[in-house]
Amino acid sequence: MTDLQTKGYFTATTERDISTGDMVLNIGPQHPSTHGVLRVVVRLDGERVVEAEPVLGYMHRAFEKLAEQRSPLQNTALFNRLDWISGFCNEVPYCIACEKLAGIEVPKRAQVQRVILFELTRLASHSLVCGVFGLELGALTAPMYGYRDREYALDLLEMVTGQRMHTNWSRIGGVKEDFPEGFYERVPAILEYYRTRVEQWLGFLIDNDVFVERTRGIGVLPQSIALEYGVSGPNLRASGIPMDARKEEEYLGYTDYDFDVPVGEFGDCFDRYVQRVREMWESCNIIEQALDDLGPGPINTGVGRTFKVPAGEIYVRAEGPRGETGYYLISNGGREPYRLKIRTGSFSNISVLPYLLKGIYVPDIVAILGSLDFVVGDVDR
């Protein structure tokens, strides 16, 4: 027995029953790793998560109600702000819904141009996410590469639309205007650049032992759970389910293009990262084919500002960078929608957080959040 023990400073008992109890930890709503004002309340037992609950609604955007007081032309500009990382991918499905209710046949040239910008937006989005995901795991160089690669796609979007994010270029019946002079000459070199970057992205973090340890086997999402929660897009395909609206729906002529739908094996954080990198390669293939398919012809049907959507209801879905983007539109024959419901990929993808976060260690929370690639503006719509 030591002198300290004999003086009564502490007991000689070697085994103690230390009860830490539960601790409630707030992650967000103001935190870089929550990609916006998302709050996740987790209950901990030591360093392990006992349960987690995502708390939504901090943005209060009310896009669905705002759209019911705006014309179709105004709504295409509004929906660019849903998922601000991939604005063009939000406006196209809404235009398609209005066109189908009105029986409008969009010219082939406009369809192909929509495809090209849709996939350029996907390239920009995935480049950014792959870089930011590396940052969240401590790789400080990764976001610099991600932002750099994203610029090439944004340059092309700006060249066509005048905007880098909120493009507002799609119109009911076609597109706003034709591609500018010099656009086609710039695209092949940029596609070749992205193909080389895909190879580098696959080796950049995959060969990093720290990155592999932080992602492999972390946040495993089984197929049955993914389907039960309505997970879609790269997160679903990373779990091994080849579900892609571009293959399943007749829109923009995607079914005429030859491209693969890559899938993952384990559905963990590692697979979700690799999934997005592989999809960038397929986007390059689609753009290349679309350029060859771009023939002469009109770019719109001349629908005017006073256009009214015929009475009826319809649901249109498209494959956005973050999953399935769907518009359920009800029209009573007026200029504004009578009712509008928006299905976004981010909302369903973060709804699976209570399952993914249960039982993990605290540092893995950030890895799982980053791997899901959500935008809070896409959630609080």
Foldseek 3Di string as FASTA:
>chain_A
DDPCCVVPVDHPDPDDDDAPDKDKDWDACPDVLLQHRKIKIFIDRVQATAFIDIDADPVQPPLQVVLQVDFLLVNLLVQLLLFQLQSLVRNVQVLVFLCVLVVADADLLLLLVSLLLQLLSLQLQLLQLLQVLCVLLPNPCSNVRSNVLSVLSQVLLCQAQVDSGSRSFADNFFGNDDRDPPSVVSLVVSLVVLVVVLVCSCCVQVVPPSSCVLKPPALFDAQVLCVVLVAFALLNQQNPDQDFCLCVPPGSNSVVADFDRHGHHGSILVSLSNNSSVVSNRSSRSSVVSVVVNDDDDRGDPDDPQDWRDADWDKGWHQHSLGIWIWTFGPNGHRGTPGIDIDFNQQSLCVCVRVNRRGDGPSSSSSNSSSSSHNSSNRSD
